Amino acid sequence: MMMKAEVNSDELLADSLQIDNYLKQKKKYCSAIFLQDMKKEFSSYLRRYNQASPSLQFRVFLFTAVYGQKIKRALDESEEVNYVECA
């Protein structure tokens, strides 16, 4: 059982790096394909993040400064974005 918990935490930590990269790229890219992919990844990650223990959520925050409300806010903002080119 302990081994499975470690794998899940490692996966969540690794995926938090990907989410952090999406958050940085979101400022530069507004293509419909990018936004759709981002929303899919964020939703999947947020579901797993919310199932994690508070201590694991804190480790993720220390590792990448990614936390649930930040992801939720980015998802909400992406819903409001009209698919137009960035200036």
PDB file of N, CA and C in Angstrom:
ATOM      1  N   MET A   1       0.824  -1.195   0.000  1.00  0.00           N
ATOM      2  CA  MET A   1       0.000   0.000   0.000  1.00  0.00           C
ATOM      3  C   MET A   1       0.865   1.254   0.000  1.00  0.00           C
ATOM      4  N   MET A   2       1.941   1.250   0.761  1.00  0.00           N
ATOM      5  CA  MET A   2       2.819   2.409   0.832  1.00  0.00           C
ATOM      6  C   MET A   2       3.428   2.715  -0.535  1.00  0.00           C
ATOM      7  N   MET A   3       3.790   1.673  -1.290  1.00  0.00           N
ATOM      8  CA  MET A   3       4.394   1.874  -2.597  1.00  0.00           C
ATOM      9  C   MET A   3       3.425   2.586  -3.531  1.00  0.00           C
ATOM     10  N   LYS A   4       2.150   2.225  -3.511  1.00  0.00           N
ATOM     11  CA  LYS A   4       1.166   2.855  -4.377  1.00  0.00           C
ATOM     12  C   LYS A   4       1.006   4.332  -4.027  1.00  0.00           C
ATOM     13  N   ALA A   5       1.009   4.662  -2.743  1.00  0.00           N
ATOM     14  CA  ALA A   5       0.882   6.054  -2.317  1.00  0.00           C
ATOM     15  C   ALA A   5       2.060   6.875  -2.818  1.00  0.00           C
ATOM     16  N   GLU A   6       3.258   6.294  -2.797  1.00  0.00           N
ATOM     17  CA  GLU A   6       4.434   7.004  -3.284  1.00  0.00           C
ATOM     18  C   GLU A   6       4.337   7.261  -4.785  1.00  0.00           C
ATOM     19  N   VAL A   7       3.861   6.266  -5.536  1.00  0.00           N
ATOM     20  CA  VAL A   7       3.721   6.433  -6.982  1.00  0.00           C
ATOM     21  C   VAL A   7       2.730   7.552  -7.271  1.00  0.00           C
ATOM     22  N   ASN A   8       1.606   7.562  -6.581  1.00  0.00           N
ATOM     23  CA  ASN A   8       0.620   8.610  -6.797  1.00  0.00           C
ATOM     24  C   ASN A   8       1.175   9.986  -6.458  1.00  0.00           C
ATOM     25  N   SER A   9       1.941  10.079  -5.381  1.00  0.00           N
ATOM     26  CA  SER A   9       2.502  11.379  -5.014  1.00  0.00           C
ATOM     27  C   SER A   9       3.542  11.813  -6.038  1.00  0.00           C
ATOM     28  N   ASP A  10       4.358  10.869  -6.516  1.00  0.00           N
ATOM     29  CA  ASP A  10       5.347  11.210  -7.537  1.00  0.00           C
ATOM     30  C   ASP A  10       4.668  11.674  -8.821  1.00  0.00           C
ATOM     31  N   GLU A  11       3.593  10.973  -9.207  1.00  0.00           N
ATOM     32  CA  GLU A  11       2.862  11.362 -10.415  1.00  0.00           C
ATOM     33  C   GLU A  11       2.237  12.743 -10.254  1.00  0.00           C
ATOM     34  N   LEU A  12       1.671  12.989  -9.089  1.00  0.00           N
ATOM     35  CA  LEU A  12       1.042  14.286  -8.847  1.00  0.00           C
ATOM     36  C   LEU A  12       2.085  15.399  -8.857  1.00  0.00           C
ATOM     37  N   LEU A  13       3.241  15.151  -8.263  1.00  0.00           N
ATOM     38  CA  LEU A  13       4.311  16.154  -8.269  1.00  0.00           C
ATOM     39  C   LEU A  13       4.811  16.408  -9.694  1.00  0.00           C
ATOM     40  N   ALA A  14       4.980  15.340 -10.468  1.00  0.00           N
ATOM     41  CA  ALA A  14       5.428  15.501 -11.853  1.00  0.00           C
ATOM     42  C   ALA A  14       4.381  16.243 -12.678  1.00  0.00           C
ATOM     43  N   ASP A  15       3.121  15.885 -12.498  1.00  0.00           N
ATOM     44  CA  ASP A  15       2.055  16.554 -13.238  1.00  0.00           C
ATOM     45  C   ASP A  15       1.910  18.013 -12.824  1.00  0.00           C
ATOM     46  N   SER A  16       2.268  18.330 -11.581  1.00  0.00           N
ATOM     47  CA  SER A  16       2.192  19.725 -11.148  1.00  0.00           C
ATOM     48  C   SER A  16       3.180  20.593 -11.933  1.00  0.00           C
ATOM     49  N   LEU A  17       4.309  20.014 -12.336  1.00  0.00           N
ATOM     50  CA  LEU A  17       5.250  20.752 -13.190  1.00  0.00           C
ATOM     51  C   LEU A  17       4.621  21.059 -14.542  1.00  0.00           C
ATOM     52  N   GLN A  18       3.911  20.075 -15.093  1.00  0.00           N
ATOM     53  CA  GLN A  18       3.229  20.281 -16.372  1.00  0.00           C
ATOM     54  C   GLN A  18       2.155  21.353 -16.245  1.00  0.00           C
ATOM     55  N   ILE A  19       1.395  21.327 -15.161  1.00  0.00           N
ATOM     56  CA  ILE A  19       0.357  22.332 -14.932  1.00  0.00           C
ATOM     57  C   ILE A  19       0.989  23.707 -14.802  1.00  0.00           C
ATOM     58  N   ASP A  20       2.108  23.786 -14.095  1.00  0.00           N
ATOM     59  CA  ASP A  20       2.817  25.058 -13.945  1.00  0.00           C
ATOM     60  C   ASP A  20       3.251  25.589 -15.310  1.00  0.00           C
ATOM     61  N   ASN A  21       3.719  24.699 -16.187  1.00  0.00           N
ATOM     62  CA  ASN A  21       4.099  25.113 -17.545  1.00  0.00           C
ATOM     63  C   ASN A  21       2.891  25.608 -18.331  1.00  0.00           C
ATOM     64  N   TYR A  22       1.759  24.919 -18.209  1.00  0.00           N
ATOM     65  CA  TYR A  22       0.532  25.377 -18.867  1.00  0.00           C
ATOM     66  C   TYR A  22       0.159  26.782 -18.391  1.00  0.00           C
ATOM     67  N   LEU A  23       0.267  27.016 -17.087  1.00  0.00           N
ATOM     68  CA  LEU A  23      -0.083  28.335 -16.548  1.00  0.00           C
ATOM     69  C   LEU A  23       0.815  29.425 -17.129  1.00  0.00           C
ATOM     70  N   LYS A  24       2.090  29.112 -17.316  1.00  0.00           N
ATOM     71  CA  LYS A  24       3.020  30.087 -17.899  1.00  0.00           C
ATOM     72  C   LYS A  24       2.729  30.300 -19.383  1.00  0.00           C
ATOM     73  N   GLN A  25       2.435  29.219 -20.111  1.00  0.00           N
ATOM     74  CA  GLN A  25       2.164  29.319 -21.542  1.00  0.00           C
ATOM     75  C   GLN A  25       0.833  29.990 -21.825  1.00  0.00           C
ATOM     76  N   LYS A  26      -0.097  29.864 -20.896  1.00  0.00           N
ATOM     77  CA  LYS A  26      -1.435  30.437 -21.066  1.00  0.00           C
ATOM     78  C   LYS A  26      -1.370  31.940 -21.310  1.00  0.00           C
ATOM     79  N   LYS A  27      -0.352  32.584 -20.782  1.00  0.00           N
ATOM     80  CA  LYS A  27      -0.199  34.029 -20.951  1.00  0.00           C
ATOM     81  C   LYS A  27       0.192  34.392 -22.383  1.00  0.00           C
ATOM     82  N   LYS A  28       0.761  33.423 -23.129  1.00  0.00           N
ATOM     83  CA  LYS A  28       1.256  33.704 -24.471  1.00  0.00           C
ATOM     84  C   LYS A  28       0.391  33.128 -25.586  1.00  0.00           C
ATOM     85  N   TYR A  29      -0.286  32.021 -25.320  1.00  0.00           N
ATOM     86  CA  TYR A  29      -1.012  31.311 -26.367  1.00  0.00           C
ATOM     87  C   TYR A  29      -2.506  31.287 -26.083  1.00  0.00           C
ATOM     88  N   CYS A  30      -3.282  31.655 -27.086  1.00  0.00           N
ATOM     89  CA  CYS A  30      -4.742  31.664 -26.932  1.00  0.00           C
ATOM     90  C   CYS A  30      -5.430  30.803 -27.981  1.00  0.00           C
ATOM     91  N   SER A  31      -4.715  29.897 -28.608  1.00  0.00           N
ATOM     92  CA  SER A  31      -5.349  29.084 -29.642  1.00  0.00           C
ATOM     93  C   SER A  31      -6.392  28.167 -29.020  1.00  0.00           C
ATOM     94  N   ALA A  32      -7.403  27.863 -29.787  1.00  0.00           N
ATOM     95  CA  ALA A  32      -8.489  27.004 -29.312  1.00  0.00           C
ATOM     96  C   ALA A  32      -7.966  25.622 -28.934  1.00  0.00           C
ATOM     97  N   ILE A  33      -7.037  25.095 -29.712  1.00  0.00           N
ATOM     98  CA  ILE A  33      -6.491  23.770 -29.436  1.00  0.00           C
ATOM     99  C   ILE A  33      -5.734  23.774 -28.113  1.00  0.00           C
ATOM    100  N   PHE A  34      -4.911  24.796 -27.903  1.00  0.00           N
ATOM    101  CA  PHE A  34      -4.163  24.889 -26.645  1.00  0.00           C
ATOM    102  C   PHE A  34      -5.112  24.996 -25.459  1.00  0.00           C
ATOM    103  N   LEU A  35      -6.119  25.848 -25.571  1.00  0.00           N
ATOM    104  CA  LEU A  35      -7.053  26.044 -24.460  1.00  0.00           C
ATOM    105  C   LEU A  35      -7.859  24.778 -24.163  1.00  0.00           C
ATOM    106  N   GLN A  36      -8.255  24.046 -25.201  1.00  0.00           N
ATOM    107  CA  GLN A  36      -8.984  22.792 -24.983  1.00  0.00           C
ATOM    108  C   GLN A  36      -8.104  21.769 -24.272  1.00  0.00           C
ATOM    109  N   ASP A  37      -6.868  21.649 -24.724  1.00  0.00           N
ATOM    110  CA  ASP A  37      -5.933  20.713 -24.104  1.00  0.00           C
ATOM    111  C   ASP A  37      -5.664  21.113 -22.656  1.00  0.00           C
ATOM    112  N   MET A  38      -5.485  22.406 -22.427  1.00  0.00           N
ATOM    113  CA  MET A  38      -5.228  22.907 -21.088  1.00  0.00           C
ATOM    114  C   MET A  38      -6.398  22.591 -20.155  1.00  0.00           C
ATOM    115  N   LYS A  39      -7.618  22.838 -20.620  1.00  0.00           N
ATOM    116  CA  LYS A  39      -8.792  22.574 -19.787  1.00  0.00           C
ATOM    117  C   LYS A  39      -8.900  21.092 -19.438  1.00  0.00           C
ATOM    118  N   LYS A  40      -8.610  20.235 -20.407  1.00  0.00           N
ATOM    119  CA  LYS A  40      -8.664  18.793 -20.164  1.00  0.00           C
ATOM    120  C   LYS A  40      -7.629  18.387 -19.116  1.00  0.00           C
ATOM    121  N   GLU A  41      -6.411  18.870 -19.265  1.00  0.00           N
ATOM    122  CA  GLU A  41      -5.352  18.536 -18.308  1.00  0.00           C
ATOM    123  C   GLU A  41      -5.645  19.103 -16.924  1.00  0.00           C
ATOM    124  N   PHE A  42      -6.110  20.348 -16.871  1.00  0.00           N
ATOM    125  CA  PHE A  42      -6.409  20.978 -15.584  1.00  0.00           C
ATOM    126  C   PHE A  42      -7.522  20.235 -14.856  1.00  0.00           C
ATOM    127  N   SER A  43      -8.563  19.850 -15.572  1.00  0.00           N
ATOM    128  CA  SER A  43      -9.684  19.139 -14.943  1.00  0.00           C
ATOM    129  C   SER A  43      -9.234  17.806 -14.367  1.00  0.00           C
ATOM    130  N   SER A  44      -8.460  17.069 -15.139  1.00  0.00           N
ATOM    131  CA  SER A  44      -7.952  15.779 -14.677  1.00  0.00           C
ATOM    132  C   SER A  44      -7.045  15.955 -13.464  1.00  0.00           C
ATOM    133  N   TYR A  45      -6.143  16.915 -13.545  1.00  0.00           N
ATOM    134  CA  TYR A  45      -5.213  17.156 -12.442  1.00  0.00           C
ATOM    135  C   TYR A  45      -5.956  17.620 -11.193  1.00  0.00           C
ATOM    136  N   LEU A  46      -6.894  18.523 -11.356  1.00  0.00           N
ATOM    137  CA  LEU A  46      -7.628  19.071 -10.216  1.00  0.00           C
ATOM    138  C   LEU A  46      -8.406  17.978  -9.484  1.00  0.00           C
ATOM    139  N   ARG A  47      -8.959  17.046 -10.226  1.00  0.00           N
ATOM    140  CA  ARG A  47      -9.685  15.926  -9.622  1.00  0.00           C
ATOM    141  C   ARG A  47      -8.741  15.092  -8.745  1.00  0.00           C
ATOM    142  N   ARG A  48      -7.551  14.782  -9.267  1.00  0.00           N
ATOM    143  CA  ARG A  48      -6.584  13.999  -8.487  1.00  0.00           C
ATOM    144  C   ARG A  48      -6.014  14.811  -7.329  1.00  0.00           C
ATOM    145  N   TYR A  49      -5.782  16.097  -7.556  1.00  0.00           N
ATOM    146  CA  TYR A  49      -5.254  16.975  -6.506  1.00  0.00           C
ATOM    147  C   TYR A  49      -6.229  17.052  -5.336  1.00  0.00           C
ATOM    148  N   ASN A  50      -7.505  17.178  -5.627  1.00  0.00           N
ATOM    149  CA  ASN A  50      -8.511  17.272  -4.566  1.00  0.00           C
ATOM    150  C   ASN A  50      -8.648  15.975  -3.773  1.00  0.00           C
ATOM    151  N   GLN A  51      -8.284  14.855  -4.365  1.00  0.00           N
ATOM    152  CA  GLN A  51      -8.336  13.570  -3.669  1.00  0.00           C
ATOM    153  C   GLN A  51      -7.095  13.330  -2.812  1.00  0.00           C
ATOM    154  N   ALA A  52      -6.061  14.123  -3.030  1.00  0.00           N
ATOM    155  CA  ALA A  52      -4.807  13.948  -2.287  1.00  0.00           C
ATOM    156  C   ALA A  52      -4.962  14.435  -0.850  1.00  0.00           C
ATOM    157  N   SER A  53      -4.117  13.924  -0.004  1.00  0.00           N
ATOM    158  CA  SER A  53      -4.126  14.342   1.402  1.00  0.00           C
ATOM    159  C   SER A  53      -3.651  15.793   1.509  1.00  0.00           C
ATOM    160  N   PRO A  54      -4.020  16.481   2.572  1.00  0.00           N
ATOM    161  CA  PRO A  54      -3.551  17.860   2.762  1.00  0.00           C
ATOM    162  C   PRO A  54      -2.020  17.965   2.782  1.00  0.00           C
ATOM    163  N   SER A  55      -1.350  16.965   3.340  1.00  0.00           N
ATOM    164  CA  SER A  55       0.117  17.025   3.368  1.00  0.00           C
ATOM    165  C   SER A  55       0.700  16.902   1.958  1.00  0.00           C
ATOM    166  N   LEU A  56       0.094  16.072   1.113  1.00  0.00           N
ATOM    167  CA  LEU A  56       0.561  15.957  -0.269  1.00  0.00           C
ATOM    168  C   LEU A  56       0.252  17.238  -1.040  1.00  0.00           C
ATOM    169  N   GLN A  57      -0.908  17.818  -0.824  1.00  0.00           N
ATOM    170  CA  GLN A  57      -1.232  19.088  -1.472  1.00  0.00           C
ATOM    171  C   GLN A  57      -0.213  20.154  -1.086  1.00  0.00           C
ATOM    172  N   PHE A  58       0.197  20.159   0.168  1.00  0.00           N
ATOM    173  CA  PHE A  58       1.192  21.129   0.623  1.00  0.00           C
ATOM    174  C   PHE A  58       2.544  20.858  -0.029  1.00  0.00           C
ATOM    175  N   ARG A  59       2.926  19.591  -0.170  1.00  0.00           N
ATOM    176  CA  ARG A  59       4.189  19.262  -0.854  1.00  0.00           C
ATOM    177  C   ARG A  59       4.157  19.731  -2.304  1.00  0.00           C
ATOM    178  N   VAL A  60       3.023  19.563  -2.961  1.00  0.00           N
ATOM    179  CA  VAL A  60       2.882  20.036  -4.344  1.00  0.00           C
ATOM    180  C   VAL A  60       3.070  21.547  -4.391  1.00  0.00           C
ATOM    181  N   PHE A  61       2.442  22.251  -3.453  1.00  0.00           N
ATOM    182  CA  PHE A  61       2.571  23.709  -3.397  1.00  0.00           C
ATOM    183  C   PHE A  61       4.026  24.113  -3.189  1.00  0.00           C
ATOM    184  N   LEU A  62       4.730  23.456  -2.285  1.00  0.00           N
ATOM    185  CA  LEU A  62       6.137  23.777  -2.047  1.00  0.00           C
ATOM    186  C   LEU A  62       6.993  23.478  -3.270  1.00  0.00           C
ATOM    187  N   PHE A  63       6.634  22.435  -4.014  1.00  0.00           N
ATOM    188  CA  PHE A  63       7.400  21.996  -5.177  1.00  0.00           C
ATOM    189  C   PHE A  63       7.209  22.928  -6.371  1.00  0.00           C
ATOM    190  N   THR A  64       5.973  23.382  -6.603  1.00  0.00           N
ATOM    191  CA  THR A  64       5.699  24.159  -7.819  1.00  0.00           C
ATOM    192  C   THR A  64       4.863  25.409  -7.604  1.00  0.00           C
ATOM    193  N   ALA A  65       4.435  25.669  -6.392  1.00  0.00           N
ATOM    194  CA  ALA A  65       3.535  26.803  -6.102  1.00  0.00           C
ATOM    195  C   ALA A  65       2.191  26.653  -6.817  1.00  0.00           C
ATOM    196  N   VAL A  66       1.818  25.423  -7.153  1.00  0.00           N
ATOM    197  CA  VAL A  66       0.514  25.134  -7.745  1.00  0.00           C
ATOM    198  C   VAL A  66      -0.412  24.694  -6.620  1.00  0.00           C
ATOM    199  N   TYR A  67      -1.603  25.263  -6.596  1.00  0.00           N
ATOM    200  CA  TYR A  67      -2.589  24.877  -5.584  1.00  0.00           C
ATOM    201  C   TYR A  67      -3.966  24.882  -6.220  1.00  0.00           C
ATOM    202  N   GLY A  68      -4.916  24.255  -5.549  1.00  0.00           N
ATOM    203  CA  GLY A  68      -6.243  24.016  -6.115  1.00  0.00           C
ATOM    204  C   GLY A  68      -6.953  25.255  -6.606  1.00  0.00           C
ATOM    205  N   GLN A  69      -6.990  26.305  -5.801  1.00  0.00           N
ATOM    206  CA  GLN A  69      -7.710  27.522  -6.192  1.00  0.00           C
ATOM    207  C   GLN A  69      -7.075  28.192  -7.414  1.00  0.00           C
ATOM    208  N   LYS A  70      -5.764  28.106  -7.532  1.00  0.00           N
ATOM    209  CA  LYS A  70      -5.071  28.690  -8.686  1.00  0.00           C
ATOM    210  C   LYS A  70      -5.499  27.974  -9.971  1.00  0.00           C
ATOM    211  N   ILE A  71      -5.595  26.659  -9.903  1.00  0.00           N
ATOM    212  CA  ILE A  71      -6.011  25.876 -11.065  1.00  0.00           C
ATOM    213  C   ILE A  71      -7.480  26.140 -11.376  1.00  0.00           C
ATOM    214  N   LYS A  72      -8.303  26.166 -10.347  1.00  0.00           N
ATOM    215  CA  LYS A  72      -9.741  26.439 -10.526  1.00  0.00           C
ATOM    216  C   LYS A  72      -9.949  27.802 -11.170  1.00  0.00           C
ATOM    217  N   ARG A  73      -9.213  28.803 -10.713  1.00  0.00           N
ATOM    218  CA  ARG A  73      -9.321  30.151 -11.275  1.00  0.00           C
ATOM    219  C   ARG A  73      -8.910  30.156 -12.752  1.00  0.00           C
ATOM    220  N   ALA A  74      -7.829  29.448 -13.084  1.00  0.00           N
ATOM    221  CA  ALA A  74      -7.382  29.368 -14.478  1.00  0.00           C
ATOM    222  C   ALA A  74      -8.427  28.669 -15.340  1.00  0.00           C
ATOM    223  N   LEU A  75      -9.068  27.633 -14.807  1.00  0.00           N
ATOM    224  CA  LEU A  75     -10.147  26.956 -15.540  1.00  0.00           C
ATOM    225  C   LEU A  75     -11.320  27.899 -15.769  1.00  0.00           C
ATOM    226  N   ASP A  76     -11.706  28.633 -14.740  1.00  0.00           N
ATOM    227  CA  ASP A  76     -12.819  29.579 -14.864  1.00  0.00           C
ATOM    228  C   ASP A  76     -12.505  30.664 -15.889  1.00  0.00           C
ATOM    229  N   GLU A  77     -11.272  31.169 -15.866  1.00  0.00           N
ATOM    230  CA  GLU A  77     -10.869  32.202 -16.824  1.00  0.00           C
ATOM    231  C   GLU A  77     -10.882  31.662 -18.248  1.00  0.00           C
ATOM    232  N   SER A  78     -10.471  30.410 -18.418  1.00  0.00           N
ATOM    233  CA  SER A  78     -10.432  29.841 -19.769  1.00  0.00           C
ATOM    234  C   SER A  78     -11.837  29.654 -20.324  1.00  0.00           C
ATOM    235  N   GLU A  79     -12.826  29.488 -19.461  1.00  0.00           N
ATOM    236  CA  GLU A  79     -14.215  29.393 -19.910  1.00  0.00           C
ATOM    237  C   GLU A  79     -14.701  30.732 -20.461  1.00  0.00           C
ATOM    238  N   GLU A  80     -14.159  31.822 -19.943  1.00  0.00           N
ATOM    239  CA  GLU A  80     -14.590  33.156 -20.348  1.00  0.00           C
ATOM    240  C   GLU A  80     -13.887  33.649 -21.608  1.00  0.00           C
ATOM    241  N   VAL A  81     -12.772  33.011 -21.949  1.00  0.00           N
ATOM    242  CA  VAL A  81     -11.967  33.478 -23.073  1.00  0.00           C
ATOM    243  C   VAL A  81     -12.670  33.173 -24.387  1.00  0.00           C
ATOM    244  N   ASN A  82     -12.807  34.184 -25.211  1.00  0.00           N
ATOM    245  CA  ASN A  82     -13.242  33.960 -26.585  1.00  0.00           C
ATOM    246  C   ASN A  82     -12.002  33.567 -27.364  1.00  0.00           C
ATOM    247  N   TYR A  83     -12.152  32.657 -28.286  1.00  0.00           N
ATOM    248  CA  TYR A  83     -10.992  32.159 -28.998  1.00  0.00           C
ATOM    249  C   TYR A  83     -10.532  33.180 -30.038  1.00  0.00           C
ATOM    250  N   VAL A  84      -9.788  34.153 -29.562  1.00  0.00           N
ATOM    251  CA  VAL A  84      -9.227  35.182 -30.423  1.00  0.00           C
ATOM    252  C   VAL A  84      -7.725  35.152 -30.270  1.00  0.00           C
ATOM    253  N   GLU A  85      -7.052  35.736 -31.228  1.00  0.00           N
ATOM    254  CA  GLU A  85      -5.598  35.768 -31.157  1.00  0.00           C
ATOM    255  C   GLU A  85      -5.151  36.734 -30.081  1.00  0.00           C
ATOM    256  N   CYS A  86      -4.065  36.385 -29.432  1.00  0.00           N
ATOM    257  CA  CYS A  86      -3.494  37.279 -28.422  1.00  0.00           C
ATOM    258  C   CYS A  86      -2.821  38.453 -29.118  1.00  0.00           C
ATOM    259  N   ALA A  87      -2.831  39.573 -28.464  1.00  0.00           N
ATOM    260  CA  ALA A  87      -2.178  40.764 -29.023  1.00  0.00           C
ATOM    261  C   ALA A  87      -0.702  40.714 -28.764  1.00  0.00           C
TER     262      ALA A  87
END
